[in-house]
Amino acid sequence: MIARAAETNCSIFRRQGMKDLDVVIKDYLNNTKYCVQNMLRELQETPRGKKFLECQTLEQI
């Protein structure tokens, strides 16, 4: 049951209480580059990876 709630709003585990869903979504999108960077790992040194690292906005990604 808790896992389903976490799928809907992962801030369920915060000590300070849940964040508003819009805030959670915004925070998640702000972390997109970090998440993709972790997926790329050693591919960051390839031309594709270097181009990705140059991106500054979600739109550029």
PDB file of N, CA and C in Angstrom:
ATOM      1  N   MET A   1       0.817  -1.192   0.000  1.00  0.00           N
ATOM      2  CA  MET A   1       0.000   0.000   0.000  1.00  0.00           C
ATOM      3  C   MET A   1       0.865   1.262   0.000  1.00  0.00           C
ATOM      4  N   ILE A   2       1.935   1.274   0.792  1.00  0.00           N
ATOM      5  CA  ILE A   2       2.802   2.448   0.842  1.00  0.00           C
ATOM      6  C   ILE A   2       3.480   2.663  -0.504  1.00  0.00           C
ATOM      7  N   ALA A   3       3.869   1.574  -1.161  1.00  0.00           N
ATOM      8  CA  ALA A   3       4.534   1.700  -2.460  1.00  0.00           C
ATOM      9  C   ALA A   3       3.626   2.374  -3.476  1.00  0.00           C
ATOM     10  N   ARG A   4       2.357   2.074  -3.447  1.00  0.00           N
ATOM     11  CA  ARG A   4       1.426   2.723  -4.382  1.00  0.00           C
ATOM     12  C   ARG A   4       1.328   4.216  -4.099  1.00  0.00           C
ATOM     13  N   ALA A   5       1.311   4.581  -2.845  1.00  0.00           N
ATOM     14  CA  ALA A   5       1.257   6.004  -2.495  1.00  0.00           C
ATOM     15  C   ALA A   5       2.540   6.703  -2.934  1.00  0.00           C
ATOM     16  N   ALA A   6       3.673   6.022  -2.810  1.00  0.00           N
ATOM     17  CA  ALA A   6       4.950   6.604  -3.215  1.00  0.00           C
ATOM     18  C   ALA A   6       5.017   6.780  -4.728  1.00  0.00           C
ATOM     19  N   GLU A   7       4.380   5.912  -5.480  1.00  0.00           N
ATOM     20  CA  GLU A   7       4.327   6.070  -6.936  1.00  0.00           C
ATOM     21  C   GLU A   7       3.569   7.339  -7.308  1.00  0.00           C
ATOM     22  N   THR A   8       2.568   7.652  -6.550  1.00  0.00           N
ATOM     23  CA  THR A   8       1.742   8.824  -6.826  1.00  0.00           C
ATOM     24  C   THR A   8       2.416  10.106  -6.377  1.00  0.00           C
ATOM     25  N   ASN A   9       3.062  10.072  -5.211  1.00  0.00           N
ATOM     26  CA  ASN A   9       3.731  11.262  -4.683  1.00  0.00           C
ATOM     27  C   ASN A   9       4.878  10.784  -3.794  1.00  0.00           C
ATOM     28  N   CYS A  10       6.085  10.801  -4.347  1.00  0.00           N
ATOM     29  CA  CYS A  10       7.238  10.238  -3.634  1.00  0.00           C
ATOM     30  C   CYS A  10       7.643  11.029  -2.393  1.00  0.00           C
ATOM     31  N   SER A  11       7.016  12.166  -2.143  1.00  0.00           N
ATOM     32  CA  SER A  11       7.342  12.932  -0.936  1.00  0.00           C
ATOM     33  C   SER A  11       6.645  12.357   0.295  1.00  0.00           C
ATOM     34  N   ILE A  12       5.967  11.236   0.141  1.00  0.00           N
ATOM     35  CA  ILE A  12       5.251  10.604   1.254  1.00  0.00           C
ATOM     36  C   ILE A  12       6.199  10.278   2.418  1.00  0.00           C
ATOM     37  N   PHE A  13       7.484  10.114   2.134  1.00  0.00           N
ATOM     38  CA  PHE A  13       8.448   9.726   3.158  1.00  0.00           C
ATOM     39  C   PHE A  13       9.088  10.916   3.874  1.00  0.00           C
ATOM     40  N   ARG A  14       8.717  12.133   3.533  1.00  0.00           N
ATOM     41  CA  ARG A  14       9.287  13.326   4.177  1.00  0.00           C
ATOM     42  C   ARG A  14       8.819  13.441   5.623  1.00  0.00           C
ATOM     43  N   ARG A  15       9.729  13.753   6.523  1.00  0.00           N
ATOM     44  CA  ARG A  15       9.368  13.958   7.934  1.00  0.00           C
ATOM     45  C   ARG A  15       8.447  15.156   8.098  1.00  0.00           C
ATOM     46  N   GLN A  16       8.633  16.164   7.230  1.00  0.00           N
ATOM     47  CA  GLN A  16       7.857  17.398   7.333  1.00  0.00           C
ATOM     48  C   GLN A  16       6.479  17.271   6.688  1.00  0.00           C
ATOM     49  N   GLY A  17       6.154  16.130   6.170  1.00  0.00           N
ATOM     50  CA  GLY A  17       4.874  15.934   5.499  1.00  0.00           C
ATOM     51  C   GLY A  17       5.026  16.000   3.989  1.00  0.00           C
ATOM     52  N   MET A  18       3.993  15.591   3.310  1.00  0.00           N
ATOM     53  CA  MET A  18       4.035  15.523   1.852  1.00  0.00           C
ATOM     54  C   MET A  18       4.065  16.909   1.221  1.00  0.00           C
ATOM     55  N   LYS A  19       4.787  17.001   0.111  1.00  0.00           N
ATOM     56  CA  LYS A  19       4.784  18.222  -0.697  1.00  0.00           C
ATOM     57  C   LYS A  19       3.590  18.172  -1.637  1.00  0.00           C
ATOM     58  N   ASP A  20       3.181  19.331  -2.106  1.00  0.00           N
ATOM     59  CA  ASP A  20       2.144  19.420  -3.119  1.00  0.00           C
ATOM     60  C   ASP A  20       2.646  18.710  -4.381  1.00  0.00           C
ATOM     61  N   LEU A  21       1.783  18.011  -5.069  1.00  0.00           N
ATOM     62  CA  LEU A  21       2.173  17.236  -6.243  1.00  0.00           C
ATOM     63  C   LEU A  21       2.831  18.106  -7.313  1.00  0.00           C
ATOM     64  N   ASP A  22       2.355  19.318  -7.510  1.00  0.00           N
ATOM     65  CA  ASP A  22       2.966  20.209  -8.501  1.00  0.00           C
ATOM     66  C   ASP A  22       4.426  20.507  -8.152  1.00  0.00           C
ATOM     67  N   VAL A  23       4.715  20.655  -6.873  1.00  0.00           N
ATOM     68  CA  VAL A  23       6.087  20.907  -6.423  1.00  0.00           C
ATOM     69  C   VAL A  23       6.941  19.665  -6.657  1.00  0.00           C
ATOM     70  N   VAL A  24       6.400  18.496  -6.365  1.00  0.00           N
ATOM     71  CA  VAL A  24       7.125  17.240  -6.576  1.00  0.00           C
ATOM     72  C   VAL A  24       7.468  17.074  -8.055  1.00  0.00           C
ATOM     73  N   ILE A  25       6.521  17.351  -8.923  1.00  0.00           N
ATOM     74  CA  ILE A  25       6.751  17.225 -10.368  1.00  0.00           C
ATOM     75  C   ILE A  25       7.825  18.212 -10.822  1.00  0.00           C
ATOM     76  N   LYS A  26       7.754  19.447 -10.353  1.00  0.00           N
ATOM     77  CA  LYS A  26       8.749  20.462 -10.723  1.00  0.00           C
ATOM     78  C   LYS A  26      10.137  20.035 -10.255  1.00  0.00           C
ATOM     79  N   ASP A  27      10.239  19.564  -9.022  1.00  0.00           N
ATOM     80  CA  ASP A  27      11.522  19.099  -8.494  1.00  0.00           C
ATOM     81  C   ASP A  27      12.056  17.932  -9.319  1.00  0.00           C
ATOM     82  N   TYR A  28      11.177  17.013  -9.684  1.00  0.00           N
ATOM     83  CA  TYR A  28      11.581  15.851 -10.482  1.00  0.00           C
ATOM     84  C   TYR A  28      12.133  16.292 -11.834  1.00  0.00           C
ATOM     85  N   LEU A  29      11.445  17.209 -12.482  1.00  0.00           N
ATOM     86  CA  LEU A  29      11.905  17.692 -13.783  1.00  0.00           C
ATOM     87  C   LEU A  29      13.232  18.432 -13.664  1.00  0.00           C
ATOM     88  N   ASN A  30      13.428  19.135 -12.559  1.00  0.00           N
ATOM     89  CA  ASN A  30      14.708  19.814 -12.340  1.00  0.00           C
ATOM     90  C   ASN A  30      15.848  18.823 -12.165  1.00  0.00           C
ATOM     91  N   ASN A  31      15.559  17.615 -11.724  1.00  0.00           N
ATOM     92  CA  ASN A  31      16.580  16.584 -11.520  1.00  0.00           C
ATOM     93  C   ASN A  31      16.763  15.677 -12.730  1.00  0.00           C
ATOM     94  N   THR A  32      16.049  15.957 -13.811  1.00  0.00           N
ATOM     95  CA  THR A  32      16.104  15.096 -14.990  1.00  0.00           C
ATOM     96  C   THR A  32      17.522  14.936 -15.514  1.00  0.00           C
ATOM     97  N   LYS A  33      18.260  16.034 -15.647  1.00  0.00           N
ATOM     98  CA  LYS A  33      19.617  15.962 -16.194  1.00  0.00           C
ATOM     99  C   LYS A  33      20.490  15.069 -15.318  1.00  0.00           C
ATOM    100  N   TYR A  34      20.386  15.209 -14.019  1.00  0.00           N
ATOM    101  CA  TYR A  34      21.166  14.384 -13.097  1.00  0.00           C
ATOM    102  C   TYR A  34      20.845  12.902 -13.290  1.00  0.00           C
ATOM    103  N   CYS A  35      19.563  12.579 -13.408  1.00  0.00           N
ATOM    104  CA  CYS A  35      19.139  11.187 -13.571  1.00  0.00           C
ATOM    105  C   CYS A  35      19.661  10.600 -14.882  1.00  0.00           C
ATOM    106  N   VAL A  36      19.538  11.364 -15.967  1.00  0.00           N
ATOM    107  CA  VAL A  36      20.014  10.881 -17.268  1.00  0.00           C
ATOM    108  C   VAL A  36      21.535  10.737 -17.247  1.00  0.00           C
ATOM    109  N   GLN A  37      22.220  11.653 -16.603  1.00  0.00           N
ATOM    110  CA  GLN A  37      23.674  11.580 -16.490  1.00  0.00           C
ATOM    111  C   GLN A  37      24.092  10.281 -15.810  1.00  0.00           C
ATOM    112  N   ASN A  38      23.377   9.891 -14.777  1.00  0.00           N
ATOM    113  CA  ASN A  38      23.676   8.633 -14.091  1.00  0.00           C
ATOM    114  C   ASN A  38      23.418   7.434 -14.984  1.00  0.00           C
ATOM    115  N   MET A  39      22.416   7.526 -15.844  1.00  0.00           N
ATOM    116  CA  MET A  39      22.139   6.435 -16.777  1.00  0.00           C
ATOM    117  C   MET A  39      23.249   6.312 -17.820  1.00  0.00           C
ATOM    118  N   LEU A  40      23.785   7.440 -18.260  1.00  0.00           N
ATOM    119  CA  LEU A  40      24.816   7.432 -19.302  1.00  0.00           C
ATOM    120  C   LEU A  40      26.150   6.873 -18.807  1.00  0.00           C
ATOM    121  N   ARG A  41      26.470   7.110 -17.568  1.00  0.00           N
ATOM    122  CA  ARG A  41      27.734   6.685 -16.957  1.00  0.00           C
ATOM    123  C   ARG A  41      28.924   6.911 -17.881  1.00  0.00           C
ATOM    124  N   GLU A  42      29.586   5.833 -18.327  1.00  0.00           N
ATOM    125  CA  GLU A  42      30.795   5.980 -19.145  1.00  0.00           C
ATOM    126  C   GLU A  42      30.515   6.552 -20.534  1.00  0.00           C
ATOM    127  N   LEU A  43      29.270   6.565 -20.952  1.00  0.00           N
ATOM    128  CA  LEU A  43      28.919   7.127 -22.257  1.00  0.00           C
ATOM    129  C   LEU A  43      28.980   8.655 -22.258  1.00  0.00           C
ATOM    130  N   GLN A  44      29.221   9.265 -21.109  1.00  0.00           N
ATOM    131  CA  GLN A  44      29.336  10.722 -21.031  1.00  0.00           C
ATOM    132  C   GLN A  44      30.536  11.233 -21.826  1.00  0.00           C
ATOM    133  N   GLU A  45      31.500  10.366 -22.082  1.00  0.00           N
ATOM    134  CA  GLU A  45      32.700  10.757 -22.832  1.00  0.00           C
ATOM    135  C   GLU A  45      32.507  10.635 -24.342  1.00  0.00           C
ATOM    136  N   THR A  46      31.393  10.081 -24.777  1.00  0.00           N
ATOM    137  CA  THR A  46      31.112   9.955 -26.207  1.00  0.00           C
ATOM    138  C   THR A  46      30.604  11.295 -26.737  1.00  0.00           C
ATOM    139  N   PRO A  47      30.592  11.474 -28.062  1.00  0.00           N
ATOM    140  CA  PRO A  47      30.043  12.720 -28.615  1.00  0.00           C
ATOM    141  C   PRO A  47      28.615  12.992 -28.138  1.00  0.00           C
ATOM    142  N   ARG A  48      27.804  11.948 -28.090  1.00  0.00           N
ATOM    143  CA  ARG A  48      26.418  12.097 -27.615  1.00  0.00           C
ATOM    144  C   ARG A  48      26.392  12.558 -26.160  1.00  0.00           C
ATOM    145  N   GLY A  49      27.230  11.940 -25.334  1.00  0.00           N
ATOM    146  CA  GLY A  49      27.281  12.294 -23.919  1.00  0.00           C
ATOM    147  C   GLY A  49      27.772  13.712 -23.697  1.00  0.00           C
ATOM    148  N   LYS A  50      28.786  14.108 -24.461  1.00  0.00           N
ATOM    149  CA  LYS A  50      29.316  15.469 -24.331  1.00  0.00           C
ATOM    150  C   LYS A  50      28.278  16.501 -24.755  1.00  0.00           C
ATOM    151  N   LYS A  51      27.540  16.182 -25.811  1.00  0.00           N
ATOM    152  CA  LYS A  51      26.488  17.095 -26.261  1.00  0.00           C
ATOM    153  C   LYS A  51      25.412  17.220 -25.177  1.00  0.00           C
ATOM    154  N   PHE A  52      25.080  16.095 -24.552  1.00  0.00           N
ATOM    155  CA  PHE A  52      24.097  16.107 -23.470  1.00  0.00           C
ATOM    156  C   PHE A  52      24.568  16.988 -22.310  1.00  0.00           C
ATOM    157  N   LEU A  53      25.836  16.863 -21.942  1.00  0.00           N
ATOM    158  CA  LEU A  53      26.373  17.628 -20.817  1.00  0.00           C
ATOM    159  C   LEU A  53      26.364  19.130 -21.077  1.00  0.00           C
ATOM    160  N   GLU A  54      26.367  19.523 -22.346  1.00  0.00           N
ATOM    161  CA  GLU A  54      26.318  20.945 -22.697  1.00  0.00           C
ATOM    162  C   GLU A  54      24.922  21.540 -22.514  1.00  0.00           C
ATOM    163  N   CYS A  55      23.911  20.705 -22.441  1.00  0.00           N
ATOM    164  CA  CYS A  55      22.532  21.182 -22.318  1.00  0.00           C
ATOM    165  C   CYS A  55      22.342  21.930 -21.002  1.00  0.00           C
ATOM    166  N   GLN A  56      21.620  23.023 -21.073  1.00  0.00           N
ATOM    167  CA  GLN A  56      21.357  23.831 -19.890  1.00  0.00           C
ATOM    168  C   GLN A  56      19.894  23.777 -19.455  1.00  0.00           C
ATOM    169  N   THR A  57      19.002  23.436 -20.382  1.00  0.00           N
ATOM    170  CA  THR A  57      17.573  23.435 -20.069  1.00  0.00           C
ATOM    171  C   THR A  57      16.961  22.089 -20.429  1.00  0.00           C
ATOM    172  N   LEU A  58      15.799  21.830 -19.878  1.00  0.00           N
ATOM    173  CA  LEU A  58      15.072  20.608 -20.194  1.00  0.00           C
ATOM    174  C   LEU A  58      14.714  20.576 -21.673  1.00  0.00           C
ATOM    175  N   GLU A  59      14.426  21.726 -22.224  1.00  0.00           N
ATOM    176  CA  GLU A  59      14.091  21.822 -23.647  1.00  0.00           C
ATOM    177  C   GLU A  59      15.276  21.394 -24.513  1.00  0.00           C
ATOM    178  N   GLN A  60      16.484  21.754 -24.129  1.00  0.00           N
ATOM    179  CA  GLN A  60      17.674  21.373 -24.882  1.00  0.00           C
ATOM    180  C   GLN A  60      17.938  19.873 -24.792  1.00  0.00           C
ATOM    181  N   ILE A  61      17.612  19.290 -23.664  1.00  0.00           N
ATOM    182  CA  ILE A  61      17.807  17.848 -23.495  1.00  0.00           C
ATOM    183  C   ILE A  61      16.943  17.111 -24.491  1.00  0.00           C
TER     184      ILE A  61
END
